[in-house]
N, C-alpha and C. Protein backbone atom coordinates (compact mmCIF):
# COMPACT_ATOMS: atom_id res chain seq x y z
N MET A 1 0.97 -0.98 -0.10
CA MET A 1 0.09 -0.02 0.09
C MET A 1 1.10 1.15 -0.03
N GLY A 2 0.37 2.46 -0.62
CA GLY A 2 1.26 3.34 -0.53
C GLY A 2 0.27 4.53 -1.37
N LEU A 3 1.26 5.61 -1.81
CA LEU A 3 0.55 6.73 -2.24
C LEU A 3 0.96 7.15 -3.74
N PHE A 4 -0.11 7.65 -4.28
CA PHE A 4 0.54 7.61 -5.83
C PHE A 4 0.16 9.50 -5.96
N CYS A 5 1.13 9.72 -6.79
CA CYS A 5 1.29 11.15 -6.99
C CYS A 5 1.31 11.16 -8.69
N ILE A 6 0.43 12.42 -9.17
CA ILE A 6 0.20 12.34 -10.61
C ILE A 6 1.30 13.26 -11.10
N ASN A 7 2.19 12.92 -12.00
CA ASN A 7 3.30 14.08 -12.17
C ASN A 7 2.71 14.72 -13.68
N SER A 8 2.12 13.95 -14.35
CA SER A 8 1.57 14.64 -15.93
C SER A 8 0.34 13.74 -16.10
N GLY A 9 -0.41 14.20 -16.87
CA GLY A 9 -1.65 13.54 -17.49
C GLY A 9 -2.65 13.62 -16.49
N LYS A 10 -3.66 12.62 -16.93
CA LYS A 10 -5.14 12.77 -16.05
C LYS A 10 -5.37 11.38 -15.90
N VAL A 11 -5.97 11.41 -14.52
CA VAL A 11 -6.72 9.89 -14.21
C VAL A 11 -8.22 10.01 -13.72
N LYS A 12 -8.66 9.05 -14.07
CA LYS A 12 -10.22 8.89 -13.46
C LYS A 12 -10.04 8.00 -12.38
N VAL A 13 -10.77 8.29 -11.07
CA VAL A 13 -10.97 7.66 -9.80
C VAL A 13 -12.52 7.18 -9.83
N PHE A 14 -12.79 6.25 -9.80
CA PHE A 14 -14.08 5.69 -9.88
C PHE A 14 -14.42 4.40 -8.84
N LYS A 15 -15.64 4.37 -8.60
CA LYS A 15 -16.19 3.01 -7.97
C LYS A 15 -17.09 2.26 -9.18
N MET A 16 -17.03 0.92 -8.86
CA MET A 16 -18.16 0.46 -9.62
C MET A 16 -19.25 -0.21 -8.82
N SER A 17 -20.66 -0.29 -9.27
CA SER A 17 -21.80 -0.54 -8.44
C SER A 17 -21.66 -2.18 -8.82
N SER A 18 -22.42 -2.79 -7.72
CA SER A 18 -22.68 -4.32 -8.03
C SER A 18 -23.11 -4.92 -9.29
N GLU A 19 -23.90 -3.82 -10.17
CA GLU A 19 -24.64 -4.10 -11.43
C GLU A 19 -23.21 -3.44 -12.55
N GLY A 20 -22.29 -2.98 -12.14
CA GLY A 20 -21.29 -2.78 -13.17
C GLY A 20 -21.19 -1.17 -13.80
N LYS A 21 -21.88 -0.46 -13.14
CA LYS A 21 -22.10 0.66 -13.37
C LYS A 21 -20.81 1.46 -12.68
N GLU A 22 -20.00 2.50 -13.44
CA GLU A 22 -19.43 3.21 -12.90
C GLU A 22 -19.52 4.63 -12.42
N GLN A 23 -19.35 5.00 -11.47
CA GLN A 23 -19.31 6.25 -10.92
C GLN A 23 -17.94 6.96 -10.81
N ILE A 24 -17.79 7.94 -11.46
CA ILE A 24 -16.52 8.88 -11.53
C ILE A 24 -16.73 9.75 -10.27
N LEU A 25 -15.53 9.44 -9.41
CA LEU A 25 -15.50 10.14 -8.45
C LEU A 25 -14.55 11.59 -8.24
N ASN A 26 -13.64 11.46 -9.22
CA ASN A 26 -12.58 12.34 -9.19
C ASN A 26 -11.64 12.41 -10.82
N LEU A 27 -11.43 13.40 -11.29
CA LEU A 27 -10.41 13.46 -12.23
C LEU A 27 -9.45 14.04 -11.72
N ALA A 28 -8.06 13.26 -11.62
CA ALA A 28 -7.05 13.73 -10.90
C ALA A 28 -5.84 14.30 -12.06
N LYS A 29 -5.23 15.11 -11.76
CA LYS A 29 -4.58 16.01 -12.56
C LYS A 29 -2.83 16.22 -11.98
N PRO A 30 -2.25 16.93 -12.79
CA PRO A 30 -0.91 16.99 -12.15
C PRO A 30 -0.85 17.69 -10.93
N GLY A 31 -0.02 17.06 -10.12
CA GLY A 31 0.19 17.54 -8.94
C GLY A 31 -0.80 16.91 -7.59
N ASP A 32 -1.86 16.14 -8.02
CA ASP A 32 -2.66 15.41 -7.19
C ASP A 32 -2.36 14.27 -6.83
N PHE A 33 -2.63 13.87 -5.25
CA PHE A 33 -2.23 12.60 -4.73
C PHE A 33 -3.26 11.71 -4.53
N LEU A 34 -3.27 10.44 -5.02
CA LEU A 34 -4.31 9.55 -4.91
C LEU A 34 -4.13 8.43 -3.72
N GLY A 35 -4.97 7.97 -3.00
CA GLY A 35 -4.60 6.61 -1.73
C GLY A 35 -4.45 7.51 -0.49
N TYR A 36 -4.14 8.78 -0.50
CA TYR A 36 -3.89 9.06 0.67
C TYR A 36 -4.98 8.78 2.00
N ARG A 37 -6.07 9.10 1.56
CA ARG A 37 -7.19 8.76 2.43
C ARG A 37 -7.15 7.29 3.06
N ALA A 38 -7.21 6.60 2.12
CA ALA A 38 -6.98 5.14 2.44
C ALA A 38 -5.68 4.76 3.48
N LEU A 39 -4.66 5.63 3.16
CA LEU A 39 -3.41 5.43 3.77
C LEU A 39 -3.46 5.87 5.32
N ILE A 40 -3.89 7.26 5.49
CA ILE A 40 -4.03 7.81 6.75
C ILE A 40 -5.18 6.95 7.52
N SER A 41 -6.31 6.57 6.90
CA SER A 41 -7.25 5.59 7.96
C SER A 41 -6.94 4.12 8.05
N GLU A 42 -5.82 3.98 7.53
CA GLU A 42 -5.62 2.18 7.09
C GLU A 42 -6.57 1.57 7.01
N GLU A 43 -7.29 1.97 5.99
CA GLU A 43 -8.04 1.08 5.06
C GLU A 43 -7.62 0.60 3.57
N PHE A 44 -8.39 -0.52 3.18
CA PHE A 44 -7.97 -0.78 1.98
C PHE A 44 -8.42 0.30 0.71
N TYR A 45 -7.99 0.50 -0.19
CA TYR A 45 -8.19 1.57 -1.32
C TYR A 45 -9.99 1.29 -1.74
N SER A 46 -10.81 2.15 -1.55
CA SER A 46 -12.11 1.70 -1.72
C SER A 46 -12.40 2.31 -3.20
N ALA A 47 -11.53 2.68 -4.09
CA ALA A 47 -12.27 3.11 -5.46
C ALA A 47 -10.79 2.35 -6.28
N SER A 48 -11.08 2.62 -7.54
CA SER A 48 -10.02 2.14 -8.69
C SER A 48 -9.74 3.54 -9.41
N ALA A 49 -8.56 3.47 -10.46
CA ALA A 49 -8.22 4.60 -11.16
C ALA A 49 -7.80 3.95 -12.32
N THR A 50 -7.64 5.05 -13.19
CA THR A 50 -7.41 4.72 -14.63
C THR A 50 -6.78 5.78 -15.47
N VAL A 51 -6.09 5.51 -16.29
CA VAL A 51 -5.33 6.69 -16.80
C VAL A 51 -6.26 7.34 -17.96
N ILE A 52 -6.99 8.40 -18.18
CA ILE A 52 -7.37 8.89 -19.37
C ILE A 52 -6.76 9.42 -20.25
N GLU A 53 -5.39 9.86 -20.04
CA GLU A 53 -4.56 10.99 -20.78
C GLU A 53 -3.21 10.16 -20.55
N GLU A 54 -2.37 10.04 -21.26
CA GLU A 54 -0.95 9.71 -21.17
C GLU A 54 -0.38 10.39 -19.87
N ALA A 55 0.16 9.45 -18.88
CA ALA A 55 0.34 10.27 -17.49
C ALA A 55 1.58 9.39 -17.16
N ALA A 56 2.53 10.19 -16.24
CA ALA A 56 3.46 9.74 -15.63
C ALA A 56 3.33 9.84 -14.05
N ILE A 57 3.09 8.62 -13.24
CA ILE A 57 2.83 8.66 -11.83
C ILE A 57 4.00 8.22 -10.98
N CYS A 58 4.18 8.74 -9.81
CA CYS A 58 5.10 7.98 -8.81
C CYS A 58 4.25 7.39 -7.86
N TYR A 59 5.14 6.41 -7.22
CA TYR A 59 4.36 5.70 -6.02
C TYR A 59 5.23 5.57 -4.77
N ILE A 60 4.84 6.47 -3.89
CA ILE A 60 5.58 6.49 -2.43
C ILE A 60 5.15 5.48 -1.54
N PRO A 61 5.84 4.34 -1.04
CA PRO A 61 5.39 3.55 -0.32
C PRO A 61 4.64 4.02 0.97
N LYS A 62 3.88 3.03 1.75
CA LYS A 62 3.37 3.55 2.98
C LYS A 62 4.43 4.11 4.12
N HIS A 63 5.34 2.99 4.59
CA HIS A 63 6.30 3.76 5.21
C HIS A 63 6.82 4.88 5.17
N ASN A 64 7.32 4.99 3.79
CA ASN A 64 7.95 6.55 3.62
C ASN A 64 6.88 7.76 3.69
N PHE A 65 5.96 7.31 3.43
CA PHE A 65 4.89 8.47 3.52
C PHE A 65 4.51 8.77 4.92
N LEU A 66 4.54 7.82 5.73
CA LEU A 66 3.95 8.02 6.94
C LEU A 66 5.40 8.69 7.85
N GLU A 67 6.30 8.34 7.51
CA GLU A 67 7.56 8.97 7.97
C GLU A 67 7.69 10.26 7.68
N ILE A 68 7.27 10.57 6.27
CA ILE A 68 7.55 12.15 5.91
C ILE A 68 6.27 13.06 6.51
N LEU A 69 5.10 12.47 6.83
CA LEU A 69 3.93 12.94 7.51
C LEU A 69 4.36 13.24 8.99
N ASN A 70 4.83 12.15 9.75
CA ASN A 70 5.38 12.34 10.93
C ASN A 70 6.45 13.26 11.25
N SER A 71 7.38 12.94 10.32
CA SER A 71 8.62 14.23 10.92
C SER A 71 8.44 15.53 9.94
N ASN A 72 7.21 15.94 9.51
CA ASN A 72 7.35 17.14 8.86
C ASN A 72 6.21 18.08 9.15
N PRO A 73 5.78 18.86 10.05
CA PRO A 73 4.76 19.34 10.08
C PRO A 73 4.14 20.33 9.27
N GLY A 74 4.89 20.84 8.17
CA GLY A 74 4.15 21.55 7.42
C GLY A 74 3.61 20.76 6.23
N PHE A 75 4.43 19.43 6.27
CA PHE A 75 3.63 18.29 5.46
C PHE A 75 2.03 17.78 5.66
N PHE A 76 2.63 17.67 6.99
CA PHE A 76 1.25 16.91 8.01
C PHE A 76 0.29 18.22 7.36
N LYS A 77 0.48 19.51 7.67
CA LYS A 77 -0.53 20.46 7.78
C LYS A 77 -1.18 20.58 6.12
N LYS A 78 -0.71 20.21 5.45
CA LYS A 78 -0.90 20.28 3.70
C LYS A 78 -1.79 19.02 3.58
N MET A 79 -1.19 17.78 4.15
CA MET A 79 -2.46 16.75 3.62
C MET A 79 -3.45 17.03 4.57
N PHE A 80 -3.50 17.17 5.75
CA PHE A 80 -4.83 17.68 6.39
C PHE A 80 -5.62 18.51 5.66
N LYS A 81 -5.23 19.42 5.37
CA LYS A 81 -5.67 20.67 4.69
C LYS A 81 -6.50 19.90 3.21
N ALA A 82 -5.83 18.93 2.66
CA ALA A 82 -6.04 18.37 1.20
C ALA A 82 -7.25 17.38 1.65
N VAL A 83 -7.41 16.47 2.74
CA VAL A 83 -8.01 15.86 2.95
C VAL A 83 -9.23 16.52 3.34
N CYS A 84 -9.26 17.81 4.01
CA CYS A 84 -10.53 18.50 4.69
C CYS A 84 -11.43 19.07 2.86
N GLU A 85 -10.53 19.48 2.18
CA GLU A 85 -11.06 20.19 1.12
C GLU A 85 -11.61 18.80 0.26
N ASP A 86 -11.12 17.85 0.40
CA ASP A 86 -11.82 16.61 -0.47
C ASP A 86 -13.26 16.54 0.20
N LEU A 87 -13.03 16.50 1.49
CA LEU A 87 -14.37 16.43 2.21
C LEU A 87 -15.47 17.27 1.68
N GLY A 88 -15.13 18.68 1.90
CA GLY A 88 -15.85 19.67 1.36
C GLY A 88 -16.50 19.41 -0.26
N VAL A 89 -15.38 18.76 -0.96
CA VAL A 89 -15.85 18.62 -2.72
C VAL A 89 -16.89 17.29 -2.46
N MET A 90 -16.62 16.63 -1.69
CA MET A 90 -17.61 15.43 -1.80
C MET A 90 -19.00 15.47 -1.13
N GLU A 91 -19.04 16.43 0.09
CA GLU A 91 -20.04 17.24 0.36
C GLU A 91 -20.94 17.76 -0.73
N GLN A 92 -20.34 18.81 -1.22
CA GLN A 92 -21.13 19.52 -2.34
C GLN A 92 -21.46 18.71 -3.66
N LYS A 93 -20.67 17.63 -3.84
CA LYS A 93 -21.20 16.94 -4.86
C LYS A 93 -22.45 16.03 -4.51
N LEU A 94 -22.62 15.50 -3.24
CA LEU A 94 -23.56 14.80 -2.85
C LEU A 94 -24.78 15.90 -2.62
N VAL A 95 -24.65 17.32 -1.95
CA VAL A 95 -26.01 18.46 -2.48
C VAL A 95 -26.38 18.37 -3.69
N THR A 96 -25.29 18.44 -4.87
CA THR A 96 -25.40 18.71 -6.27
C THR A 96 -26.58 17.92 -6.63
N ILE A 97 -25.77 16.24 -6.58
CA ILE A 97 -26.87 15.29 -7.01
C ILE A 97 -28.29 15.18 -6.42
N ALA A 98 -28.43 15.57 -5.35
CA ALA A 98 -29.87 15.39 -4.10
C ALA A 98 -30.44 16.59 -4.78
N GLN A 99 -30.12 17.76 -5.04
CA GLN A 99 -30.93 19.03 -5.18
C GLN A 99 -30.98 19.47 -6.52
N LYS A 100 -30.21 18.96 -7.62
CA LYS A 100 -30.03 19.86 -8.93
C LYS A 100 -30.48 18.58 -10.01
N SER A 101 -31.16 19.35 -10.92
CA SER A 101 -31.57 18.31 -11.94
C SER A 101 -30.48 17.93 -12.89
N VAL A 102 -30.51 17.10 -13.78
CA VAL A 102 -29.45 16.36 -14.39
C VAL A 102 -28.80 17.81 -15.38
N ARG A 103 -29.66 18.44 -15.89
CA ARG A 103 -29.22 19.84 -16.74
C ARG A 103 -28.31 20.54 -15.96
N GLU A 104 -28.83 20.70 -15.03
CA GLU A 104 -27.84 21.99 -14.16
C GLU A 104 -26.68 21.18 -13.58
N ARG A 105 -26.81 19.62 -13.37
CA ARG A 105 -25.45 19.17 -13.09
C ARG A 105 -24.32 18.94 -14.09
N LEU A 106 -24.69 18.97 -15.35
CA LEU A 106 -24.04 18.97 -16.65
C LEU A 106 -23.51 20.24 -16.64
N ALA A 107 -24.23 21.46 -16.57
CA ALA A 107 -23.69 22.45 -16.72
C ALA A 107 -22.66 22.85 -15.67
N ALA A 108 -22.94 22.83 -14.50
CA ALA A 108 -21.91 22.86 -13.35
C ALA A 108 -20.50 21.70 -13.69
N THR A 109 -20.63 20.86 -14.14
CA THR A 109 -19.72 19.78 -14.65
C THR A 109 -18.89 20.51 -15.71
N LEU A 110 -19.59 21.25 -16.60
CA LEU A 110 -18.67 21.44 -17.78
C LEU A 110 -17.91 22.87 -17.05
N LEU A 111 -18.48 23.78 -16.27
CA LEU A 111 -17.89 24.47 -15.82
C LEU A 111 -16.60 24.44 -14.98
N MET A 112 -16.87 23.34 -14.14
CA MET A 112 -15.58 22.79 -13.31
C MET A 112 -14.86 22.10 -14.16
N LEU A 113 -15.00 21.69 -15.21
CA LEU A 113 -13.92 21.17 -15.97
C LEU A 113 -12.90 22.24 -16.75
N LYS A 114 -13.63 23.67 -16.87
CA LYS A 114 -13.26 24.26 -17.73
C LYS A 114 -12.16 25.18 -16.49
N GLU A 115 -12.60 25.00 -15.36
CA GLU A 115 -11.88 25.75 -14.22
C GLU A 115 -10.68 24.61 -13.93
N THR A 116 -11.02 23.48 -13.84
CA THR A 116 -9.80 22.88 -13.33
C THR A 116 -8.94 22.31 -14.41
N TYR A 117 -9.38 22.54 -15.61
CA TYR A 117 -8.01 21.95 -16.52
C TYR A 117 -7.94 23.05 -17.83
N GLY A 118 -8.73 24.03 -17.69
CA GLY A 118 -8.30 25.06 -18.47
C GLY A 118 -8.79 24.95 -19.88
N MET A 119 -8.26 25.87 -20.52
CA MET A 119 -8.50 25.74 -21.95
C MET A 119 -7.44 25.34 -22.64
N GLU A 120 -7.38 24.60 -23.90
CA GLU A 120 -6.26 24.04 -24.73
C GLU A 120 -5.73 25.16 -25.59
N GLY A 121 -4.46 25.64 -25.22
CA GLY A 121 -3.88 26.64 -26.00
C GLY A 121 -4.10 27.76 -25.58
N LYS A 122 -3.58 28.84 -25.90
CA LYS A 122 -3.39 30.46 -25.40
C LYS A 122 -4.75 31.16 -25.78
N ASP A 123 -5.45 31.19 -26.90
CA ASP A 123 -6.61 31.58 -27.24
C ASP A 123 -7.58 30.73 -27.56
N SER A 124 -7.92 29.64 -27.07
CA SER A 124 -8.71 28.66 -27.22
C SER A 124 -9.99 28.60 -26.45
N ILE A 125 -11.03 28.08 -26.70
CA ILE A 125 -12.12 28.28 -25.70
C ILE A 125 -12.48 26.33 -25.77
N LEU A 126 -11.72 25.67 -26.22
CA LEU A 126 -11.88 24.23 -26.05
C LEU A 126 -11.39 23.63 -24.68
N ILE A 127 -12.34 22.96 -23.62
CA ILE A 127 -11.75 22.24 -22.35
C ILE A 127 -10.83 21.07 -22.63
N ASP A 128 -9.68 21.52 -21.93
CA ASP A 128 -8.00 20.63 -22.27
C ASP A 128 -8.57 19.58 -21.20
N ILE A 129 -9.48 18.92 -21.91
CA ILE A 129 -9.61 17.08 -21.39
C ILE A 129 -10.73 16.48 -22.23
N ALA A 130 -10.15 15.37 -22.62
CA ALA A 130 -11.37 14.72 -23.62
C ALA A 130 -11.89 13.44 -22.73
N LEU A 131 -13.31 13.68 -22.75
CA LEU A 131 -13.90 12.41 -22.01
C LEU A 131 -15.24 12.10 -23.09
N SER A 132 -15.33 10.95 -22.96
CA SER A 132 -16.15 9.89 -23.73
C SER A 132 -17.70 10.70 -22.90
N ARG A 133 -18.90 10.51 -23.75
CA ARG A 133 -20.11 10.86 -23.41
C ARG A 133 -20.25 9.78 -22.11
N GLU A 134 -19.93 8.75 -22.16
CA GLU A 134 -20.24 7.65 -21.11
C GLU A 134 -19.48 8.13 -19.69
N ASP A 135 -18.41 8.90 -19.78
CA ASP A 135 -17.55 9.43 -18.65
C ASP A 135 -18.29 10.48 -18.08
N LEU A 136 -18.94 11.36 -18.58
CA LEU A 136 -19.25 12.67 -18.62
C LEU A 136 -20.76 11.75 -17.86
N ALA A 137 -21.41 11.01 -18.09
CA ALA A 137 -22.68 10.66 -17.82
C ALA A 137 -22.34 9.91 -16.29
N ASN A 138 -20.91 9.53 -16.20
CA ASN A 138 -20.45 8.59 -15.06
C ASN A 138 -20.21 9.60 -13.93
N ILE A 139 -19.63 11.08 -14.16
CA ILE A 139 -19.40 11.96 -13.43
C ILE A 139 -20.64 12.73 -12.79
N ILE A 140 -21.66 12.99 -13.80
CA ILE A 140 -23.05 13.34 -13.12
C ILE A 140 -23.97 12.39 -12.69
N GLY A 141 -24.09 11.23 -12.78
CA GLY A 141 -24.63 9.96 -12.42
C GLY A 141 -26.12 10.21 -13.48
N THR A 142 -25.76 9.91 -14.38
CA THR A 142 -27.02 9.70 -15.39
C THR A 142 -26.73 8.76 -16.42
N ALA A 143 -27.68 8.60 -17.41
CA ALA A 143 -27.20 7.72 -18.66
C ALA A 143 -26.73 8.55 -19.50
N THR A 144 -26.16 7.67 -20.36
CA THR A 144 -25.26 8.48 -21.60
C THR A 144 -25.99 9.14 -22.46
N GLU A 145 -27.40 8.43 -22.67
CA GLU A 145 -28.18 9.04 -23.81
C GLU A 145 -28.66 10.26 -23.22
N THR A 146 -28.99 10.56 -21.86
CA THR A 146 -29.33 11.99 -21.42
C THR A 146 -28.31 13.10 -21.52
N VAL A 147 -26.65 12.50 -21.47
CA VAL A 147 -25.66 13.60 -21.51
C VAL A 147 -25.84 13.79 -23.39
N ILE A 148 -25.85 13.02 -24.26
CA ILE A 148 -25.86 13.11 -25.51
C ILE A 148 -26.99 14.19 -25.81
N ARG A 149 -27.95 13.82 -25.35
CA ARG A 149 -29.42 14.70 -25.50
C ARG A 149 -29.22 16.23 -25.00
N LEU A 150 -28.48 16.30 -23.67
CA LEU A 150 -28.42 17.47 -23.36
C LEU A 150 -27.03 18.44 -23.90
N LEU A 151 -26.26 17.59 -24.22
CA LEU A 151 -25.20 18.48 -25.22
C LEU A 151 -25.65 18.71 -26.31
N SER A 152 -26.37 18.34 -27.21
CA SER A 152 -27.22 18.77 -28.21
C SER A 152 -28.28 19.75 -27.86
N GLU A 153 -28.86 19.89 -26.70
CA GLU A 153 -29.41 21.16 -26.67
C GLU A 153 -28.48 22.26 -26.05
N PHE A 154 -27.48 22.13 -25.26
CA PHE A 154 -26.39 23.25 -25.10
C PHE A 154 -26.20 23.60 -26.27
N LYS A 155 -25.95 22.57 -27.41
CA LYS A 155 -25.15 23.32 -28.90
C LYS A 155 -26.15 23.71 -29.51
N SER A 156 -27.56 23.48 -29.33
CA SER A 156 -28.76 24.40 -29.93
C SER A 156 -28.74 25.92 -29.42
N ASP A 157 -28.31 25.84 -27.86
CA ASP A 157 -28.82 26.90 -27.36
C ASP A 157 -27.50 27.71 -27.22
N GLN A 158 -26.72 27.29 -27.94
CA GLN A 158 -25.18 28.06 -28.37
C GLN A 158 -24.58 28.26 -26.79
N LEU A 159 -24.43 27.28 -26.14
CA LEU A 159 -23.71 27.51 -25.00
C LEU A 159 -22.20 26.89 -25.15
N ILE A 160 -21.97 26.06 -26.07
CA ILE A 160 -21.43 24.94 -26.42
C ILE A 160 -21.16 24.69 -27.73
N ALA A 161 -19.89 24.09 -28.31
CA ALA A 161 -19.63 23.62 -29.45
C ALA A 161 -18.95 22.25 -29.22
N LEU A 162 -19.08 21.16 -30.10
CA LEU A 162 -18.35 20.27 -30.00
C LEU A 162 -17.60 19.69 -31.14
N GLU A 163 -16.45 19.12 -30.58
CA GLU A 163 -15.29 18.79 -31.44
C GLU A 163 -14.51 17.48 -30.98
N GLY A 164 -15.32 16.43 -31.32
CA GLY A 164 -15.07 15.11 -31.06
C GLY A 164 -15.35 14.98 -29.87
N LYS A 165 -14.40 14.55 -28.71
CA LYS A 165 -14.81 14.17 -27.31
C LYS A 165 -14.53 15.18 -26.76
N LYS A 166 -13.94 16.51 -27.22
CA LYS A 166 -13.89 18.08 -26.84
C LYS A 166 -14.76 18.83 -26.80
N ILE A 167 -15.18 19.80 -25.59
CA ILE A 167 -16.04 20.61 -26.04
C ILE A 167 -15.47 22.14 -25.72
N LYS A 168 -16.15 22.84 -26.65
CA LYS A 168 -16.08 24.33 -26.43
C LYS A 168 -17.22 24.98 -25.85
N VAL A 169 -16.46 25.85 -24.89
CA VAL A 169 -17.45 26.75 -23.97
C VAL A 169 -17.70 27.73 -24.85
N ILE A 170 -18.67 28.39 -25.16
CA ILE A 170 -19.00 29.29 -26.18
C ILE A 170 -19.57 30.64 -25.24
N ASP A 171 -20.44 29.97 -24.07
CA ASP A 171 -21.01 31.27 -23.38
C ASP A 171 -21.22 30.77 -21.86
N THR A 172 -19.89 31.11 -21.12
CA THR A 172 -19.67 30.93 -19.77
C THR A 172 -20.81 31.28 -19.08
N GLN A 173 -21.21 32.69 -19.11
CA GLN A 173 -22.20 33.02 -18.38
C GLN A 173 -23.74 32.22 -18.47
N GLY A 174 -24.07 31.56 -19.62
CA GLY A 174 -25.34 30.88 -19.88
C GLY A 174 -25.47 29.77 -19.23
N LEU A 175 -23.87 29.14 -19.06
CA LEU A 175 -23.72 27.83 -18.32
C LEU A 175 -23.94 27.96 -17.09
N VAL A 176 -23.17 29.01 -16.58
CA VAL A 176 -23.65 29.42 -14.96
C VAL A 176 -24.94 29.47 -14.51
N LYS A 177 -25.50 30.19 -15.64
CA LYS A 177 -27.17 30.36 -15.34
C LYS A 177 -27.71 28.85 -15.34
N GLU A 178 -27.40 27.98 -16.07
CA GLU A 178 -28.04 26.85 -16.56
C GLU A 178 -27.68 26.09 -15.40
N ALA A 179 -26.43 26.04 -14.67
CA ALA A 179 -26.06 25.10 -13.36
C ALA A 179 -26.87 25.81 -12.07
N ASP A 180 -27.36 26.95 -12.16
CA ASP A 180 -28.17 27.51 -11.24
C ASP A 180 -27.20 27.66 -9.98
N PHE A 181 -26.02 27.95 -9.75
CA PHE A 181 -25.06 28.17 -8.65
C PHE A 181 -25.55 28.67 -7.59
N TYR A 182 -26.74 29.85 -7.87
CA TYR A 182 -27.36 30.74 -6.68
C TYR A 182 -28.35 30.01 -6.09
N GLY A 183 -28.85 28.73 -6.96
CA GLY A 183 -30.00 28.19 -6.35
C GLY A 183 -29.70 27.25 -5.06
N LEU A 184 -28.87 27.32 -4.74
CA LEU A 184 -28.53 26.53 -3.67
C LEU A 184 -28.03 27.23 -2.58
């Protein structure tokens, strides 16, 4: 058991239901750590991860991680903060799934992807991550067909444009309105 550090690339972290349905919990990017919650709580990993974009990942064995954690108060504080931030993100995801429509969740997810991964190139409006429609559905907790229909509606409403698996954000303010960020 150990800690994984994403040096480059993108990794999806997910859980599988007993029916084989994938729920994406997180899309890790360079600088993110995976597995620290299980290490600190001394539990088995409860999620799986797979690379979605070529990645370089380093592994830190449990004993090395715990040694650094115990001997470096600054690092301990940083890890504690990361755990608390992740808890906050998960709480917000729970509220979003419980209280927002699928349309609102998709708009919010597109905005999150734009904010988290940025845009491809200097003057681009193309979100810098390629996700399948199935992955998008697994992030927001709906059927792939629903995501396809909603993306088509967003395209018709001139909020986005589609370029293969990539999405161009044309109207950020329109997506903010669709996401109903002020409704919670």
